[in-house]
């Protein structure tokens, strides 16, 4: 998976009270990798991290996208869709070539 796709996956899972462990499980990555990406997104100003001091579970945080985070999410989504469309078109061309050759 591309780095941008990983960032997009993490950005898409934001906006809810959760743990890094649950995000890692949802996305199929290690907690360390998710932690690294979340910190990098926060350092870029794309993500705001809030913990709930009144909550008994001090490991739960709410990850909020900043305005720049929302813009980045849109940009990454557009890039992802473009890349997937190109892959789809290449697969269709391959399929048509196989059909022409073997049918």
PDB file of N, CA and C in Angstrom:
ATOM      1  N   UNK A   1       0.852  -1.184   0.000  1.00  0.00           N
ATOM      2  CA  UNK A   1       0.000   0.000   0.000  1.00  0.00           C
ATOM      3  C   UNK A   1       0.886   1.231   0.000  1.00  0.00           C
ATOM      4  N   UNK A   2       0.502   2.206  -0.787  1.00  0.00           N
ATOM      5  CA  UNK A   2       1.229   3.464  -0.857  1.00  0.00           C
ATOM      6  C   UNK A   2       1.112   4.193   0.480  1.00  0.00           C
ATOM      7  N   UNK A   3       2.097   5.043   0.758  1.00  0.00           N
ATOM      8  CA  UNK A   3       2.078   5.851   1.979  1.00  0.00           C
ATOM      9  C   UNK A   3       0.832   6.729   2.019  1.00  0.00           C
ATOM     10  N   UNK A   4       0.486   7.309   0.862  1.00  0.00           N
ATOM     11  CA  UNK A   4      -0.697   8.166   0.809  1.00  0.00           C
ATOM     12  C   UNK A   4      -1.968   7.369   1.093  1.00  0.00           C
ATOM     13  N   UNK A   5      -2.022   6.120   0.631  1.00  0.00           N
ATOM     14  CA  UNK A   5      -3.196   5.295   0.889  1.00  0.00           C
ATOM     15  C   UNK A   5      -3.316   4.979   2.379  1.00  0.00           C
ATOM     16  N   UNK A   6      -2.177   4.755   3.035  1.00  0.00           N
ATOM     17  CA  UNK A   6      -2.192   4.512   4.471  1.00  0.00           C
ATOM     18  C   UNK A   6      -2.684   5.759   5.204  1.00  0.00           C
ATOM     19  N   UNK A   7      -2.178   6.919   4.819  1.00  0.00           N
ATOM     20  CA  UNK A   7      -2.629   8.162   5.447  1.00  0.00           C
ATOM     21  C   UNK A   7      -4.127   8.358   5.226  1.00  0.00           C
ATOM     22  N   UNK A   8      -4.590   8.084   3.998  1.00  0.00           N
ATOM     23  CA  UNK A   8      -6.017   8.214   3.709  1.00  0.00           C
ATOM     24  C   UNK A   8      -6.827   7.257   4.570  1.00  0.00           C
ATOM     25  N   UNK A   9      -6.363   6.030   4.724  1.00  0.00           N
ATOM     26  CA  UNK A   9      -7.080   5.056   5.549  1.00  0.00           C
ATOM     27  C   UNK A   9      -7.194   5.537   6.989  1.00  0.00           C
ATOM     28  N   UNK A  10      -6.103   6.084   7.507  1.00  0.00           N
ATOM     29  CA  UNK A  10      -6.127   6.601   8.887  1.00  0.00           C
ATOM     30  C   UNK A  10      -7.035   7.819   8.965  1.00  0.00           C
ATOM     31  N   UNK A  11      -6.937   8.720   8.000  1.00  0.00           N
ATOM     32  CA  UNK A  11      -7.803   9.912   8.013  1.00  0.00           C
ATOM     33  C   UNK A  11      -9.276   9.522   7.943  1.00  0.00           C
ATOM     34  N   UNK A  12      -9.591   8.478   7.196  1.00  0.00           N
ATOM     35  CA  UNK A  12     -10.987   8.048   7.067  1.00  0.00           C
ATOM     36  C   UNK A  12     -11.521   7.472   8.374  1.00  0.00           C
ATOM     37  N   UNK A  13     -10.644   6.968   9.240  1.00  0.00           N
ATOM     38  CA  UNK A  13     -11.107   6.373  10.484  1.00  0.00           C
ATOM     39  C   UNK A  13     -11.171   7.386  11.628  1.00  0.00           C
ATOM     40  N   UNK A  14     -10.887   8.634  11.339  1.00  0.00           N
ATOM     41  CA  UNK A  14     -10.879   9.681  12.362  1.00  0.00           C
ATOM     42  C   UNK A  14     -12.290  10.214  12.625  1.00  0.00           C
ATOM     43  N   UNK A  15     -12.416  10.958  13.712  1.00  0.00           N
ATOM     44  CA  UNK A  15     -13.671  11.624  14.027  1.00  0.00           C
ATOM     45  C   UNK A  15     -14.537  10.862  15.008  1.00  0.00           C
ATOM     46  N   UNK A  16     -13.988   9.864  15.626  1.00  0.00           N
ATOM     47  CA  UNK A  16     -14.749   9.100  16.611  1.00  0.00           C
ATOM     48  C   UNK A  16     -13.852   8.816  17.803  1.00  0.00           C
ATOM     49  N   UNK A  17     -14.452   8.538  18.921  1.00  0.00           N
ATOM     50  CA  UNK A  17     -13.681   8.173  20.107  1.00  0.00           C
ATOM     51  C   UNK A  17     -13.192   6.751  19.887  1.00  0.00           C
ATOM     52  N   UNK A  18     -11.881   6.593  19.944  1.00  0.00           N
ATOM     53  CA  UNK A  18     -11.321   5.290  19.638  1.00  0.00           C
ATOM     54  C   UNK A  18      -9.934   5.164  20.243  1.00  0.00           C
ATOM     55  N   UNK A  19      -9.333   4.023  20.038  1.00  0.00           N
ATOM     56  CA  UNK A  19      -7.955   3.806  20.454  1.00  0.00           C
ATOM     57  C   UNK A  19      -7.123   3.505  19.220  1.00  0.00           C
ATOM     58  N   UNK A  20      -5.830   3.684  19.351  1.00  0.00           N
ATOM     59  CA  UNK A  20      -4.958   3.341  18.235  1.00  0.00           C
ATOM     60  C   UNK A  20      -5.020   1.842  17.967  1.00  0.00           C
ATOM     61  N   UNK A  21      -5.223   1.069  18.999  1.00  0.00           N
ATOM     62  CA  UNK A  21      -5.329  -0.382  18.836  1.00  0.00           C
ATOM     63  C   UNK A  21      -6.542  -0.739  17.970  1.00  0.00           C
ATOM     64  N   UNK A  22      -7.670  -0.075  18.205  1.00  0.00           N
ATOM     65  CA  UNK A  22      -8.855  -0.382  17.406  1.00  0.00           C
ATOM     66  C   UNK A  22      -8.690   0.086  15.961  1.00  0.00           C
ATOM     67  N   UNK A  23      -8.011   1.217  15.765  1.00  0.00           N
ATOM     68  CA  UNK A  23      -7.739   1.687  14.401  1.00  0.00           C
ATOM     69  C   UNK A  23      -6.821   0.694  13.694  1.00  0.00           C
ATOM     70  N   UNK A  24      -5.785   0.241  14.395  1.00  0.00           N
ATOM     71  CA  UNK A  24      -4.848  -0.726  13.815  1.00  0.00           C
ATOM     72  C   UNK A  24      -5.569  -2.013  13.427  1.00  0.00           C
ATOM     73  N   UNK A  25      -6.436  -2.474  14.291  1.00  0.00           N
ATOM     74  CA  UNK A  25      -7.184  -3.700  14.000  1.00  0.00           C
ATOM     75  C   UNK A  25      -8.105  -3.489  12.793  1.00  0.00           C
ATOM     76  N   UNK A  26      -8.776  -2.367  12.753  1.00  0.00           N
ATOM     77  CA  UNK A  26      -9.699  -2.044  11.651  1.00  0.00           C
ATOM     78  C   UNK A  26      -8.970  -1.988  10.311  1.00  0.00           C
ATOM     79  N   UNK A  27      -7.755  -1.422  10.314  1.00  0.00           N
ATOM     80  CA  UNK A  27      -7.007  -1.229   9.078  1.00  0.00           C
ATOM     81  C   UNK A  27      -6.052  -2.367   8.755  1.00  0.00           C
ATOM     82  N   UNK A  28      -5.790  -3.228   9.741  1.00  0.00           N
ATOM     83  CA  UNK A  28      -4.882  -4.351   9.514  1.00  0.00           C
ATOM     84  C   UNK A  28      -3.416  -3.984   9.607  1.00  0.00           C
ATOM     85  N   UNK A  29      -3.078  -3.015  10.445  1.00  0.00           N
ATOM     86  CA  UNK A  29      -1.701  -2.594  10.645  1.00  0.00           C
ATOM     87  C   UNK A  29      -1.335  -2.733  12.115  1.00  0.00           C
ATOM     88  N   UNK A  30      -0.041  -2.628  12.393  1.00  0.00           N
ATOM     89  CA  UNK A  30       0.402  -2.679  13.780  1.00  0.00           C
ATOM     90  C   UNK A  30       0.044  -1.365  14.479  1.00  0.00           C
ATOM     91  N   UNK A  31      -0.055  -1.427  15.788  1.00  0.00           N
ATOM     92  CA  UNK A  31      -0.345  -0.221  16.575  1.00  0.00           C
ATOM     93  C   UNK A  31       0.789   0.791  16.398  1.00  0.00           C
ATOM     94  N   UNK A  32       2.014   0.307  16.338  1.00  0.00           N
ATOM     95  CA  UNK A  32       3.163   1.197  16.156  1.00  0.00           C
ATOM     96  C   UNK A  32       3.087   1.980  14.855  1.00  0.00           C
ATOM     97  N   UNK A  33       2.686   1.305  13.792  1.00  0.00           N
ATOM     98  CA  UNK A  33       2.583   1.974  12.496  1.00  0.00           C
ATOM     99  C   UNK A  33       1.474   3.021  12.524  1.00  0.00           C
ATOM    100  N   UNK A  34       0.340   2.677  13.123  1.00  0.00           N
ATOM    101  CA  UNK A  34      -0.769   3.626  13.237  1.00  0.00           C
ATOM    102  C   UNK A  34      -0.353   4.810  14.101  1.00  0.00           C
ATOM    103  N   UNK A  35       0.340   4.547  15.185  1.00  0.00           N
ATOM    104  CA  UNK A  35       0.826   5.618  16.060  1.00  0.00           C
ATOM    105  C   UNK A  35       1.743   6.554  15.292  1.00  0.00           C
ATOM    106  N   UNK A  36       2.647   6.001  14.503  1.00  0.00           N
ATOM    107  CA  UNK A  36       3.581   6.797  13.705  1.00  0.00           C
ATOM    108  C   UNK A  36       2.827   7.696  12.723  1.00  0.00           C
ATOM    109  N   UNK A  37       1.831   7.130  12.033  1.00  0.00           N
ATOM    110  CA  UNK A  37       1.067   7.901  11.041  1.00  0.00           C
ATOM    111  C   UNK A  37       0.251   8.990  11.733  1.00  0.00           C
ATOM    112  N   UNK A  38      -0.395   8.658  12.855  1.00  0.00           N
ATOM    113  CA  UNK A  38      -1.193   9.647  13.577  1.00  0.00           C
ATOM    114  C   UNK A  38      -0.321  10.807  14.049  1.00  0.00           C
ATOM    115  N   UNK A  39       0.841  10.494  14.597  1.00  0.00           N
ATOM    116  CA  UNK A  39       1.742  11.565  15.043  1.00  0.00           C
ATOM    117  C   UNK A  39       2.203  12.418  13.871  1.00  0.00           C
ATOM    118  N   UNK A  40       2.491  11.782  12.736  1.00  0.00           N
ATOM    119  CA  UNK A  40       2.921  12.531  11.555  1.00  0.00           C
ATOM    120  C   UNK A  40       1.796  13.431  11.052  1.00  0.00           C
ATOM    121  N   UNK A  41       0.570  12.929  11.048  1.00  0.00           N
ATOM    122  CA  UNK A  41      -0.569  13.744  10.620  1.00  0.00           C
ATOM    123  C   UNK A  41      -0.791  14.920  11.571  1.00  0.00           C
ATOM    124  N   UNK A  42      -0.626  14.675  12.868  1.00  0.00           N
ATOM    125  CA  UNK A  42      -0.775  15.751  13.851  1.00  0.00           C
ATOM    126  C   UNK A  42       0.344  16.788  13.679  1.00  0.00           C
ATOM    127  N   UNK A  43       1.569  16.311  13.426  1.00  0.00           N
ATOM    128  CA  UNK A  43       2.693  17.228  13.216  1.00  0.00           C
ATOM    129  C   UNK A  43       2.493  18.089  11.978  1.00  0.00           C
ATOM    130  N   UNK A  44       1.827  17.541  10.969  1.00  0.00           N
ATOM    131  CA  UNK A  44       1.539  18.300   9.739  1.00  0.00           C
ATOM    132  C   UNK A  44       0.379  19.276   9.934  1.00  0.00           C
ATOM    133  N   UNK A  45      -0.304  19.183  11.080  1.00  0.00           N
ATOM    134  CA  UNK A  45      -1.436  20.066  11.347  1.00  0.00           C
ATOM    135  C   UNK A  45      -2.737  19.570  10.729  1.00  0.00           C
ATOM    136  N   UNK A  46      -2.769  18.295  10.346  1.00  0.00           N
ATOM    137  CA  UNK A  46      -3.953  17.737   9.704  1.00  0.00           C
ATOM    138  C   UNK A  46      -4.914  17.103  10.704  1.00  0.00           C
ATOM    139  N   UNK A  47      -4.432  16.890  11.905  1.00  0.00           N
ATOM    140  CA  UNK A  47      -5.191  16.146  12.894  1.00  0.00           C
ATOM    141  C   UNK A  47      -5.026  16.784  14.267  1.00  0.00           C
ATOM    142  N   UNK A  48      -6.118  16.868  14.992  1.00  0.00           N
ATOM    143  CA  UNK A  48      -6.099  17.359  16.364  1.00  0.00           C
ATOM    144  C   UNK A  48      -6.455  16.178  17.254  1.00  0.00           C
ATOM    145  N   UNK A  49      -5.700  16.008  18.308  1.00  0.00           N
ATOM    146  CA  UNK A  49      -5.901  14.873  19.198  1.00  0.00           C
ATOM    147  C   UNK A  49      -6.394  15.382  20.539  1.00  0.00           C
ATOM    148  N   UNK A  50      -7.523  14.839  20.989  1.00  0.00           N
ATOM    149  CA  UNK A  50      -8.075  15.205  22.295  1.00  0.00           C
ATOM    150  C   UNK A  50      -8.256  13.939  23.115  1.00  0.00           C
ATOM    151  N   UNK A  51      -7.811  13.986  24.358  1.00  0.00           N
ATOM    152  CA  UNK A  51      -8.155  12.871  25.232  1.00  0.00           C
ATOM    153  C   UNK A  51      -9.195  13.345  26.227  1.00  0.00           C
ATOM    154  N   UNK A  52      -9.880  12.424  26.790  1.00  0.00           N
ATOM    155  CA  UNK A  52     -10.987  12.742  27.678  1.00  0.00           C
ATOM    156  C   UNK A  52     -10.519  12.563  29.113  1.00  0.00           C
ATOM    157  N   UNK A  53     -10.159  13.676  29.747  1.00  0.00           N
ATOM    158  CA  UNK A  53      -9.604  13.619  31.092  1.00  0.00           C
ATOM    159  C   UNK A  53     -10.603  13.063  32.097  1.00  0.00           C
ATOM    160  N   UNK A  54     -11.879  13.272  31.860  1.00  0.00           N
ATOM    161  CA  UNK A  54     -12.893  12.769  32.779  1.00  0.00           C
ATOM    162  C   UNK A  54     -13.210  11.294  32.547  1.00  0.00           C
ATOM    163  N   UNK A  55     -12.723  10.760  31.448  1.00  0.00           N
ATOM    164  CA  UNK A  55     -12.977   9.361  31.117  1.00  0.00           C
ATOM    165  C   UNK A  55     -12.072   8.471  31.959  1.00  0.00           C
ATOM    166  N   UNK A  56     -12.623   7.375  32.449  1.00  0.00           N
ATOM    167  CA  UNK A  56     -11.831   6.432  33.241  1.00  0.00           C
ATOM    168  C   UNK A  56     -10.769   5.766  32.380  1.00  0.00           C
ATOM    169  N   UNK A  57     -11.052   5.590  31.104  1.00  0.00           N
ATOM    170  CA  UNK A  57     -10.101   4.971  30.184  1.00  0.00           C
ATOM    171  C   UNK A  57      -9.229   6.062  29.585  1.00  0.00           C
ATOM    172  N   UNK A  58      -8.054   6.267  30.146  1.00  0.00           N
ATOM    173  CA  UNK A  58      -7.167   7.353  29.709  1.00  0.00           C
ATOM    174  C   UNK A  58      -6.526   7.074  28.348  1.00  0.00           C
ATOM    175  N   UNK A  59      -6.731   5.888  27.791  1.00  0.00           N
ATOM    176  CA  UNK A  59      -6.150   5.550  26.498  1.00  0.00           C
ATOM    177  C   UNK A  59      -7.056   5.936  25.337  1.00  0.00           C
ATOM    178  N   UNK A  60      -8.270   6.385  25.636  1.00  0.00           N
ATOM    179  CA  UNK A  60      -9.179   6.757  24.557  1.00  0.00           C
ATOM    180  C   UNK A  60      -8.971   8.211  24.173  1.00  0.00           C
ATOM    181  N   UNK A  61      -8.926   8.419  22.878  1.00  0.00           N
ATOM    182  CA  UNK A  61      -8.753   9.748  22.342  1.00  0.00           C
ATOM    183  C   UNK A  61      -9.788   9.990  21.265  1.00  0.00           C
ATOM    184  N   UNK A  62     -10.022  11.249  20.995  1.00  0.00           N
ATOM    185  CA  UNK A  62     -10.842  11.617  19.848  1.00  0.00           C
ATOM    186  C   UNK A  62      -9.911  12.307  18.876  1.00  0.00           C
ATOM    187  N   UNK A  63      -9.908  11.804  17.667  1.00  0.00           N
ATOM    188  CA  UNK A  63      -9.059  12.359  16.626  1.00  0.00           C
ATOM    189  C   UNK A  63      -9.939  13.183  15.705  1.00  0.00           C
ATOM    190  N   UNK A  64      -9.635  14.464  15.622  1.00  0.00           N
ATOM    191  CA  UNK A  64     -10.435  15.393  14.825  1.00  0.00           C
ATOM    192  C   UNK A  64      -9.613  15.935  13.662  1.00  0.00           C
ATOM    193  N   UNK A  65     -10.209  15.909  12.486  1.00  0.00           N
ATOM    194  CA  UNK A  65      -9.540  16.489  11.334  1.00  0.00           C
ATOM    195  C   UNK A  65      -9.617  18.012  11.413  1.00  0.00           C
ATOM    196  N   UNK A  66      -8.505  18.659  11.151  1.00  0.00           N
ATOM    197  CA  UNK A  66      -8.498  20.111  11.049  1.00  0.00           C
ATOM    198  C   UNK A  66      -9.013  20.481   9.657  1.00  0.00           C
ATOM    199  N   UNK A  67      -9.178  21.757   9.411  1.00  0.00           N
ATOM    200  CA  UNK A  67      -9.604  22.191   8.073  1.00  0.00           C
ATOM    201  C   UNK A  67      -8.590  21.728   7.026  1.00  0.00           C
ATOM    202  N   UNK A  68      -7.307  21.840   7.354  1.00  0.00           N
ATOM    203  CA  UNK A  68      -6.260  21.365   6.436  1.00  0.00           C
ATOM    204  C   UNK A  68      -6.329  19.843   6.283  1.00  0.00           C
ATOM    205  N   UNK A  69      -6.691  19.151   7.366  1.00  0.00           N
ATOM    206  CA  UNK A  69      -6.846  17.697   7.308  1.00  0.00           C
ATOM    207  C   UNK A  69      -7.968  17.285   6.371  1.00  0.00           C
ATOM    208  N   UNK A  70      -9.051  18.028   6.400  1.00  0.00           N
ATOM    209  CA  UNK A  70     -10.180  17.745   5.506  1.00  0.00           C
ATOM    210  C   UNK A  70      -9.763  17.968   4.056  1.00  0.00           C
ATOM    211  N   UNK A  71      -9.044  19.055   3.804  1.00  0.00           N
ATOM    212  CA  UNK A  71      -8.563  19.328   2.447  1.00  0.00           C
ATOM    213  C   UNK A  71      -7.617  18.225   1.977  1.00  0.00           C
ATOM    214  N   UNK A  72      -6.741  17.783   2.857  1.00  0.00           N
ATOM    215  CA  UNK A  72      -5.799  16.718   2.508  1.00  0.00           C
ATOM    216  C   UNK A  72      -6.534  15.406   2.247  1.00  0.00           C
ATOM    217  N   UNK A  73      -7.551  15.138   3.046  1.00  0.00           N
ATOM    218  CA  UNK A  73      -8.354  13.924   2.854  1.00  0.00           C
ATOM    219  C   UNK A  73      -9.021  13.953   1.477  1.00  0.00           C
ATOM    220  N   UNK A  74      -9.544  15.092   1.087  1.00  0.00           N
ATOM    221  CA  UNK A  74     -10.165  15.248  -0.240  1.00  0.00           C
ATOM    222  C   UNK A  74      -9.118  15.017  -1.325  1.00  0.00           C
ATOM    223  N   UNK A  75      -7.955  15.648  -1.185  1.00  0.00           N
ATOM    224  CA  UNK A  75      -6.895  15.514  -2.174  1.00  0.00           C
ATOM    225  C   UNK A  75      -6.430  14.068  -2.304  1.00  0.00           C
ATOM    226  N   UNK A  76      -6.196  13.401  -1.174  1.00  0.00           N
ATOM    227  CA  UNK A  76      -5.750  12.010  -1.200  1.00  0.00           C
ATOM    228  C   UNK A  76      -6.823  11.098  -1.793  1.00  0.00           C
ATOM    229  N   UNK A  77      -8.077  11.390  -1.503  1.00  0.00           N
ATOM    230  CA  UNK A  77      -9.169  10.592  -2.066  1.00  0.00           C
ATOM    231  C   UNK A  77      -9.215  10.746  -3.577  1.00  0.00           C
ATOM    232  N   UNK A  78      -9.050  11.968  -4.049  1.00  0.00           N
ATOM    233  CA  UNK A  78      -9.047  12.203  -5.495  1.00  0.00           C
ATOM    234  C   UNK A  78      -7.886  11.466  -6.171  1.00  0.00           C
ATOM    235  N   UNK A  79      -6.705  11.516  -5.559  1.00  0.00           N
ATOM    236  CA  UNK A  79      -5.542  10.803  -6.103  1.00  0.00           C
ATOM    237  C   UNK A  79      -5.789   9.294  -6.114  1.00  0.00           C
ATOM    238  N   UNK A  80      -6.355   8.802  -5.033  1.00  0.00           N
ATOM    239  CA  UNK A  80      -6.643   7.367  -4.919  1.00  0.00           C
ATOM    240  C   UNK A  80      -7.613   6.923  -6.014  1.00  0.00           C
ATOM    241  N   UNK A  81      -8.671   7.679  -6.209  1.00  0.00           N
ATOM    242  CA  UNK A  81      -9.666   7.352  -7.236  1.00  0.00           C
ATOM    243  C   UNK A  81      -9.024   7.391  -8.620  1.00  0.00           C
ATOM    244  N   UNK A  82      -8.212   8.393  -8.884  1.00  0.00           N
ATOM    245  CA  UNK A  82      -7.537   8.504 -10.179  1.00  0.00           C
ATOM    246  C   UNK A  82      -6.649   7.287 -10.419  1.00  0.00           C
ATOM    247  N   UNK A  83      -5.866   6.914  -9.411  1.00  0.00           N
ATOM    248  CA  UNK A  83      -4.967   5.767  -9.535  1.00  0.00           C
ATOM    249  C   UNK A  83      -5.750   4.478  -9.774  1.00  0.00           C
ATOM    250  N   UNK A  84      -6.853   4.304  -9.056  1.00  0.00           N
ATOM    251  CA  UNK A  84      -7.664   3.104  -9.207  1.00  0.00           C
ATOM    252  C   UNK A  84      -8.352   3.062 -10.567  1.00  0.00           C
ATOM    253  N   UNK A  85      -8.774   4.210 -11.082  1.00  0.00           N
ATOM    254  CA  UNK A  85      -9.369   4.256 -12.425  1.00  0.00           C
ATOM    255  C   UNK A  85      -8.343   3.852 -13.475  1.00  0.00           C
ATOM    256  N   UNK A  86      -7.109   4.346 -13.311  1.00  0.00           N
ATOM    257  CA  UNK A  86      -6.048   3.980 -14.247  1.00  0.00           C
ATOM    258  C   UNK A  86      -5.757   2.476 -14.190  1.00  0.00           C
ATOM    259  N   UNK A  87      -5.726   1.925 -12.974  1.00  0.00           N
ATOM    260  CA  UNK A  87      -5.524   0.480 -12.829  1.00  0.00           C
ATOM    261  C   UNK A  87      -6.662  -0.295 -13.476  1.00  0.00           C
ATOM    262  N   UNK A  88      -7.873   0.168 -13.295  1.00  0.00           N
ATOM    263  CA  UNK A  88      -9.047  -0.472 -13.893  1.00  0.00           C
ATOM    264  C   UNK A  88      -8.946  -0.463 -15.413  1.00  0.00           C
ATOM    265  N   UNK A  89      -8.592   0.690 -15.979  1.00  0.00           N
ATOM    266  CA  UNK A  89      -8.476   0.798 -17.432  1.00  0.00           C
ATOM    267  C   UNK A  89      -7.397  -0.130 -17.977  1.00  0.00           C
ATOM    268  N   UNK A  90      -6.287  -0.253 -17.251  1.00  0.00           N
ATOM    269  CA  UNK A  90      -5.230  -1.179 -17.674  1.00  0.00           C
ATOM    270  C   UNK A  90      -5.721  -2.626 -17.620  1.00  0.00           C
ATOM    271  N   UNK A  91      -6.467  -2.984 -16.606  1.00  0.00           N
ATOM    272  CA  UNK A  91      -7.011  -4.335 -16.493  1.00  0.00           C
ATOM    273  C   UNK A  91      -8.002  -4.634 -17.613  1.00  0.00           C
ATOM    274  N   UNK A  92      -8.827  -3.659 -17.949  1.00  0.00           N
ATOM    275  CA  UNK A  92      -9.785  -3.837 -19.050  1.00  0.00           C
ATOM    276  C   UNK A  92      -9.034  -4.063 -20.356  1.00  0.00           C
ATOM    277  N   UNK A  93      -7.979  -3.282 -20.587  1.00  0.00           N
ATOM    278  CA  UNK A  93      -7.174  -3.462 -21.799  1.00  0.00           C
ATOM    279  C   UNK A  93      -6.544  -4.853 -21.838  1.00  0.00           C
ATOM    280  N   UNK A  94      -5.994  -5.304 -20.714  1.00  0.00           N
ATOM    281  CA  UNK A  94      -5.412  -6.647 -20.637  1.00  0.00           C
ATOM    282  C   UNK A  94      -6.462  -7.716 -20.920  1.00  0.00           C
ATOM    283  N   UNK A  95      -7.622  -7.551 -20.330  1.00  0.00           N
ATOM    284  CA  UNK A  95      -8.707  -8.512 -20.521  1.00  0.00           C
ATOM    285  C   UNK A  95      -9.120  -8.576 -21.985  1.00  0.00           C
ATOM    286  N   UNK A  96      -9.262  -7.426 -22.616  1.00  0.00           N
ATOM    287  CA  UNK A  96      -9.638  -7.390 -24.030  1.00  0.00           C
ATOM    288  C   UNK A  96      -8.565  -8.042 -24.902  1.00  0.00           C
ATOM    289  N   UNK A  97      -7.288  -7.820 -24.564  1.00  0.00           N
ATOM    290  CA  UNK A  97      -6.198  -8.433 -25.321  1.00  0.00           C
ATOM    291  C   UNK A  97      -6.251  -9.952 -25.181  1.00  0.00           C
ATOM    292  N   UNK A  98      -6.497 -10.450 -23.974  1.00  0.00           N
ATOM    293  CA  UNK A  98      -6.616 -11.900 -23.762  1.00  0.00           C
ATOM    294  C   UNK A  98      -7.803 -12.467 -24.529  1.00  0.00           C
ATOM    295  N   UNK A  99      -8.909 -11.774 -24.497  1.00  0.00           N
ATOM    296  CA  UNK A  99     -10.098 -12.247 -25.219  1.00  0.00           C
ATOM    297  C   UNK A  99      -9.825 -12.302 -26.724  1.00  0.00           C
ATOM    298  N   UNK A 100      -9.178 -11.249 -27.240  1.00  0.00           N
ATOM    299  CA  UNK A 100      -8.869 -11.232 -28.685  1.00  0.00           C
ATOM    300  C   UNK A 100      -7.926 -12.379 -29.056  1.00  0.00           C
ATOM    301  N   UNK A 101      -6.996 -12.686 -28.188  1.00  0.00           N
ATOM    302  CA  UNK A 101      -6.005 -13.702 -28.479  1.00  0.00           C
ATOM    303  C   UNK A 101      -6.550 -15.122 -28.330  1.00  0.00           C
ATOM    304  N   UNK A 102      -7.413 -15.340 -27.319  1.00  0.00           N
ATOM    305  CA  UNK A 102      -7.825 -16.700 -26.988  1.00  0.00           C
ATOM    306  C   UNK A 102      -9.273 -17.028 -27.312  1.00  0.00           C
ATOM    307  N   UNK A 103     -10.012 -16.129 -27.853  1.00  0.00           N
ATOM    308  CA  UNK A 103     -11.400 -16.446 -28.198  1.00  0.00           C
ATOM    309  C   UNK A 103     -11.602 -16.513 -29.682  1.00  0.00           C
TER     310      UNK A 103
END
